[in-house]
Amino acid sequence: MKNWRLSLLGLVMTMLALHFPAQAQSRAGGCLVAEFRSLALLTHDVGERIAKVNAWLKQKGPRCTQAQLAAIASNRATWLGTADTIEVAGQVDGLIEAKIANDPDMMAAMYTSKGKEARASVEVTQPPPAPAPVVPAAAGLPASAATGNTVQPVIVQAPMAALTDKPEPPDAFFGRRQKAQILEYYEENRGPGECPRGMVKRGDKCEPRIKERDWKLRQPLASSEKPEDLPTPLLLKLGPPAPDHQFKRVGFDILMLKGPQNIVTDAVLDLGGIQVKADKKEEPPKS
């Protein structure tokens, strides 16, 4: 009896050992947003962070759901910081596009803006017959002129709001030249110390003391945020923004804001990726 119980216990333990490693392997191969966030926040070297994020997206991105990819896209700038490159953004957008490729409305919302087309209609009507004249019609006039039975066009115009409504302008982004001009300006006006005031040294980069950001890409700027105007010399370098857009600074980030809702369409983080100031070594006097 005792041997029978031991045999049964051994069989159960063997089945558990075979079952649970397979489950762990299945979970490990899936897509977890928490894993992506931890990978981004715990890797301090920017180059290493970019490489790890790209590898993660290529390996596990296709297994993510649409909701998981949307969460990554919304928090990408906050989690990645200066590692939020065009290549990373392209990978995330490509994965989202693959999920919604069969939905024209969502594709249009992602890449284009739908405008309203104004149309004017023209209607031709006839006035009611004129009453019989009291005095006989003068000789020589056509019958139609005598009776007043003429056809006059009546033009019905569309509402003024429909005629003046214009398609929403597309989102604008910082160009490579503008990003270089932002970094150049703040490098020249950084002040004393290894990093600008309010920033701390992390590796060879200067980053904010608090890395969490209250704004998100493709979302309206929170009402609690107070965006600041850029210095006039920097605005002159950047040139005028795209229609319905403006340049603003929030913390140590330069944002591209769109429309009255201040939707964040693009951002240059950490004053353009400003480097730690290198100590100048004095050369020994020449003999």
Protein backbone atom coordinates (compact mmCIF):
# COMPACT_ATOMS: atom_id res chain seq x y z
CA MET A 1 0.00 0.00 0.00
CA LYS A 2 2.81 2.38 0.90
CA ASN A 3 4.68 1.63 -2.36
CA TRP A 4 1.51 2.36 -4.33
CA ARG A 5 1.20 5.84 -2.78
CA LEU A 6 4.87 6.63 -3.47
CA SER A 7 4.48 5.60 -7.11
CA LEU A 8 1.40 7.83 -7.51
CA LEU A 9 3.20 10.80 -5.89
CA GLY A 10 6.19 10.33 -8.23
CA LEU A 11 3.89 10.28 -11.27
CA VAL A 12 2.17 13.55 -10.21
CA MET A 13 5.53 15.29 -9.62
CA THR A 14 6.78 14.20 -13.05
CA MET A 15 3.67 15.59 -14.78
CA LEU A 16 4.00 18.93 -12.95
CA ALA A 17 7.67 19.20 -13.91
CA LEU A 18 6.80 18.64 -17.57
CA HIS A 19 3.79 20.99 -17.55
CA PHE A 20 4.99 24.17 -15.81
CA PRO A 21 8.27 24.75 -17.74
CA ALA A 22 6.27 24.66 -20.97
CA GLN A 23 3.87 27.26 -19.58
CA ALA A 24 6.75 29.50 -18.47
CA GLN A 25 8.35 29.20 -21.89
CA SER A 26 5.01 30.12 -23.53
CA ARG A 27 4.61 33.23 -21.35
CA ALA A 28 8.24 34.25 -21.90
CA GLY A 29 7.80 34.22 -25.68
CA GLY A 30 4.76 36.56 -25.62
CA CYS A 31 4.45 40.35 -25.63
CA LEU A 32 4.49 42.14 -22.27
CA VAL A 33 4.37 45.96 -22.18
CA ALA A 34 5.83 45.87 -18.68
CA GLU A 35 8.87 44.04 -20.03
CA PHE A 36 9.37 46.74 -22.70
CA ARG A 37 9.07 49.52 -20.09
CA SER A 38 11.52 47.89 -17.68
CA LEU A 39 13.99 47.29 -20.50
CA ALA A 40 13.86 50.97 -21.49
CA LEU A 41 14.01 52.46 -17.97
CA LEU A 42 16.73 50.18 -16.58
CA THR A 43 19.19 50.55 -19.49
CA HIS A 44 21.05 53.81 -18.87
CA ASP A 45 23.44 53.77 -21.83
CA VAL A 46 21.59 55.34 -24.78
CA GLY A 47 23.26 53.23 -27.48
CA GLU A 48 22.63 50.01 -25.60
CA ARG A 49 19.03 51.08 -24.91
CA ILE A 50 18.40 51.68 -28.64
CA ALA A 51 19.87 48.28 -29.58
CA LYS A 52 17.86 46.38 -26.94
CA VAL A 53 14.59 48.13 -27.83
CA ASN A 54 15.04 47.47 -31.57
CA ALA A 55 15.81 43.81 -30.90
CA TRP A 56 12.76 43.49 -28.61
CA LEU A 57 10.42 45.06 -31.18
CA LYS A 58 11.70 42.81 -33.97
CA GLN A 59 11.40 39.65 -31.86
CA LYS A 60 8.24 40.24 -29.84
CA GLY A 61 6.49 43.19 -31.50
CA PRO A 62 4.55 41.03 -34.04
CA ARG A 63 3.01 39.09 -31.12
CA CYS A 64 1.65 42.24 -29.43
CA THR A 65 -2.02 43.11 -29.62
CA GLN A 66 -3.24 46.42 -31.02
CA ALA A 67 -3.93 47.69 -27.49
CA GLN A 68 -0.40 46.77 -26.34
CA LEU A 69 1.19 48.53 -29.33
CA ALA A 70 -0.96 51.62 -28.66
CA ALA A 71 0.29 51.68 -25.05
CA ILE A 72 3.91 51.46 -26.23
CA ALA A 73 3.37 54.22 -28.82
CA SER A 74 1.75 56.57 -26.28
CA ASN A 75 4.51 56.14 -23.66
CA ARG A 76 7.48 55.69 -26.01
CA ALA A 77 8.97 59.16 -25.52
CA THR A 78 8.61 58.99 -21.72
CA TRP A 79 10.22 55.56 -21.36
CA LEU A 80 12.96 55.84 -23.99
CA GLY A 81 14.08 59.46 -23.54
CA THR A 82 16.89 60.25 -25.99
CA ALA A 83 16.73 56.69 -27.34
CA ASP A 84 13.38 57.45 -29.00
CA THR A 85 14.84 57.52 -32.51
CA ILE A 86 13.13 57.69 -35.89
CA GLU A 87 13.99 54.01 -36.41
CA VAL A 88 12.21 53.00 -33.19
CA ALA A 89 9.19 55.15 -34.04
CA GLY A 90 9.07 53.59 -37.51
CA GLN A 91 9.11 50.07 -36.07
CA VAL A 92 6.23 50.82 -33.66
CA ASP A 93 4.16 52.55 -36.38
CA GLY A 94 4.82 49.66 -38.75
CA LEU A 95 3.61 47.12 -36.21
CA ILE A 96 0.43 49.15 -35.60
CA GLU A 97 -0.13 49.50 -39.34
CA ALA A 98 0.11 45.72 -39.77
CA LYS A 99 -2.68 45.29 -37.20
CA ILE A 100 -5.05 47.86 -38.79
CA ALA A 101 -4.16 47.37 -42.47
CA ASN A 102 -7.66 46.06 -43.24
CA ASP A 103 -9.41 49.02 -41.55
CA PRO A 104 -9.38 52.06 -43.92
CA ASP A 105 -10.83 54.41 -41.30
CA MET A 106 -8.11 53.64 -38.76
CA MET A 107 -5.41 53.89 -41.44
CA ALA A 108 -6.76 57.30 -42.44
CA ALA A 109 -6.83 58.43 -38.81
CA MET A 110 -3.21 57.31 -38.35
CA TYR A 111 -1.64 58.94 -41.42
CA THR A 112 -4.11 61.45 -42.91
CA SER A 113 -6.91 63.82 -41.98
CA LYS A 114 -10.34 63.67 -43.53
CA GLY A 115 -11.70 66.99 -44.76
CA LYS A 116 -15.26 67.96 -45.64
CA GLU A 117 -16.10 68.59 -49.26
CA ALA A 118 -18.37 71.57 -49.91
CA ARG A 119 -20.97 71.23 -52.64
CA ALA A 120 -23.36 73.81 -54.12
CA SER A 121 -26.65 72.76 -55.63
CA VAL A 122 -28.52 74.56 -58.44
CA GLU A 123 -32.25 74.16 -58.85
CA VAL A 124 -34.22 75.51 -61.81
CA THR A 125 -37.92 76.21 -61.13
CA GLN A 126 -40.78 77.94 -62.91
CA PRO A 127 -42.80 80.73 -61.32
CA PRO A 128 -46.57 80.22 -61.06
CA PRO A 129 -48.65 81.30 -64.10
CA ALA A 130 -49.40 85.02 -64.22
CA PRO A 131 -53.04 86.07 -63.79
CA ALA A 132 -55.01 86.94 -66.91
CA PRO A 133 -54.33 90.54 -67.99
CA VAL A 134 -57.12 93.09 -67.55
CA VAL A 135 -55.99 94.98 -70.64
CA PRO A 136 -55.41 93.03 -73.88
CA ALA A 137 -51.79 92.42 -74.71
CA ALA A 138 -50.15 94.73 -77.15
CA ALA A 139 -49.82 93.49 -80.68
CA GLY A 140 -46.46 92.11 -81.79
CA LEU A 141 -45.35 90.72 -78.36
CA PRO A 142 -44.61 87.00 -78.04
CA ALA A 143 -47.20 84.93 -76.23
CA SER A 144 -44.72 83.99 -73.51
CA ALA A 145 -43.98 87.66 -72.77
CA ALA A 146 -47.69 88.46 -72.65
CA THR A 147 -48.48 85.78 -70.11
CA GLY A 148 -45.25 86.15 -68.13
CA ASN A 149 -44.64 82.40 -68.42
CA THR A 150 -40.79 82.57 -68.27
CA VAL A 151 -38.20 80.22 -66.78
CA GLN A 152 -35.83 81.78 -64.27
CA PRO A 153 -32.98 79.89 -62.55
CA VAL A 154 -32.94 79.88 -58.76
CA ILE A 155 -29.52 79.23 -57.20
CA VAL A 156 -29.56 77.59 -53.80
CA GLN A 157 -26.24 78.09 -52.05
CA ALA A 158 -24.77 75.69 -49.53
CA PRO A 159 -24.39 76.96 -45.94
CA MET A 160 -21.47 79.31 -45.43
CA ALA A 161 -19.90 76.98 -42.85
CA ALA A 162 -19.69 74.17 -45.42
CA LEU A 163 -18.06 76.47 -47.99
CA THR A 164 -15.44 77.80 -45.59
CA ASP A 165 -14.61 74.53 -43.77
CA LYS A 166 -11.09 73.45 -44.78
CA PRO A 167 -9.41 70.06 -44.36
CA GLU A 168 -7.36 69.75 -41.20
CA PRO A 169 -3.64 70.30 -41.91
CA PRO A 170 -1.39 67.23 -41.50
CA ASP A 171 0.88 66.79 -38.47
CA ALA A 172 4.27 68.52 -38.69
CA PHE A 173 7.61 67.19 -37.41
CA PHE A 174 11.05 68.57 -36.63
CA GLY A 175 13.52 68.27 -39.49
CA ARG A 176 17.11 67.09 -39.07
CA ARG A 177 18.42 70.64 -39.53
CA GLN A 178 16.05 72.02 -36.87
CA LYS A 179 17.10 69.35 -34.35
CA ALA A 180 20.76 70.23 -34.94
CA GLN A 181 20.00 73.96 -34.52
CA ILE A 182 18.23 73.34 -31.18
CA LEU A 183 21.19 71.35 -29.83
CA GLU A 184 23.68 73.97 -31.14
CA TYR A 185 21.80 76.85 -29.49
CA TYR A 186 21.60 75.24 -26.05
CA GLU A 187 25.22 74.07 -26.25
CA GLU A 188 26.26 77.71 -26.79
CA ASN A 189 24.01 79.00 -23.97
CA ARG A 190 24.36 76.19 -21.42
CA GLY A 191 26.03 78.26 -18.67
CA PRO A 192 28.64 77.06 -16.17
CA GLY A 193 28.87 73.53 -14.85
CA GLU A 194 28.94 70.11 -16.47
CA CYS A 195 25.22 70.32 -17.35
CA PRO A 196 22.67 73.13 -17.68
CA ARG A 197 20.90 74.16 -14.49
CA GLY A 198 18.25 71.59 -13.48
CA MET A 199 19.86 68.70 -15.37
CA VAL A 200 22.14 65.98 -14.01
CA LYS A 201 24.94 63.92 -15.50
CA ARG A 202 24.04 60.38 -16.60
CA GLY A 203 26.91 58.81 -18.48
CA ASP A 204 28.01 61.32 -21.10
CA LYS A 205 24.52 62.87 -21.38
CA CYS A 206 22.74 65.58 -19.42
CA GLU A 207 19.21 64.53 -18.46
CA PRO A 208 16.45 65.94 -16.19
CA ARG A 209 16.51 64.96 -12.53
CA ILE A 210 12.99 63.51 -12.92
CA LYS A 211 12.68 61.45 -16.11
CA GLU A 212 8.89 61.02 -16.05
CA ARG A 213 7.04 63.33 -18.47
CA ASP A 214 3.41 64.49 -18.20
CA TRP A 215 2.89 64.89 -21.96
CA LYS A 216 2.42 62.17 -24.58
CA LEU A 217 2.85 62.11 -28.35
CA ARG A 218 -0.36 62.46 -30.41
CA GLN A 219 -2.21 63.61 -27.26
CA PRO A 220 -3.30 67.14 -26.21
CA LEU A 221 -1.01 68.87 -23.75
CA ALA A 222 -2.39 68.71 -20.21
CA SER A 223 -3.92 71.94 -18.92
CA SER A 224 -1.58 71.78 -15.93
CA GLU A 225 1.43 72.18 -18.24
CA LYS A 226 2.59 75.74 -18.89
CA PRO A 227 4.50 75.76 -22.20
CA GLU A 228 7.14 78.47 -22.57
CA ASP A 229 8.11 80.45 -25.66
CA LEU A 230 11.47 79.69 -27.22
CA PRO A 231 14.16 82.41 -27.20
CA THR A 232 13.91 84.78 -30.17
CA PRO A 233 17.39 83.92 -31.56
CA LEU A 234 16.43 80.21 -31.63
CA LEU A 235 13.08 80.97 -33.31
CA LEU A 236 14.89 82.92 -36.02
CA LYS A 237 17.14 79.92 -36.66
CA LEU A 238 14.27 77.43 -36.81
CA GLY A 239 12.13 79.54 -39.13
CA PRO A 240 8.32 79.66 -39.08
CA PRO A 241 6.53 76.42 -38.08
CA ALA A 242 4.03 74.64 -40.31
CA PRO A 243 0.47 76.06 -40.52
CA ASP A 244 -1.53 75.66 -37.31
CA HIS A 245 1.64 74.59 -35.40
CA GLN A 246 3.93 76.28 -32.89
CA PHE A 247 7.24 75.63 -31.11
CA LYS A 248 7.12 75.53 -27.29
CA ARG A 249 9.33 74.38 -24.43
CA VAL A 250 8.04 72.18 -21.60
CA GLY A 251 10.69 71.41 -19.01
CA PHE A 252 13.80 70.43 -20.98
CA ASP A 253 11.86 69.27 -24.07
CA ILE A 254 11.11 71.29 -27.20
CA LEU A 255 7.62 70.37 -28.47
CA MET A 256 5.77 70.81 -31.76
CA LEU A 257 2.18 71.68 -30.78
CA LYS A 258 -0.79 71.63 -33.16
CA GLY A 259 -4.06 73.52 -33.06
CA PRO A 260 -5.92 75.11 -30.14
CA GLN A 261 -5.79 71.83 -28.19
CA ASN A 262 -1.96 71.84 -28.25
CA ILE A 263 -1.66 68.29 -29.59
CA VAL A 264 1.97 67.08 -29.34
CA THR A 265 2.99 65.98 -32.86
CA ASP A 266 6.77 65.78 -32.29
CA ALA A 267 9.40 66.48 -29.62
CA VAL A 268 13.13 67.10 -29.22
CA LEU A 269 14.06 65.68 -25.81
CA ASP A 270 16.57 66.94 -23.25
CA LEU A 271 17.45 70.17 -25.13
CA GLY A 272 18.43 68.13 -28.17
CA GLY A 273 20.53 65.54 -26.32
CA ILE A 274 23.03 67.94 -24.78
CA GLN A 275 26.35 66.37 -23.77
CA VAL A 276 28.26 66.70 -20.50
CA LYS A 277 30.74 69.55 -20.76
CA ALA A 278 34.26 68.20 -21.19
CA ASP A 279 37.00 69.64 -18.97
CA LYS A 280 39.54 71.63 -20.94
CA LYS A 281 43.05 70.47 -20.13
CA GLU A 282 45.66 73.20 -20.04
CA GLU A 283 48.57 72.59 -22.33
CA PRO A 284 52.03 72.81 -20.68
CA PRO A 285 53.95 75.97 -21.59
CA LYS A 286 56.32 75.57 -24.50
CA SER A 287 59.96 75.85 -23.58
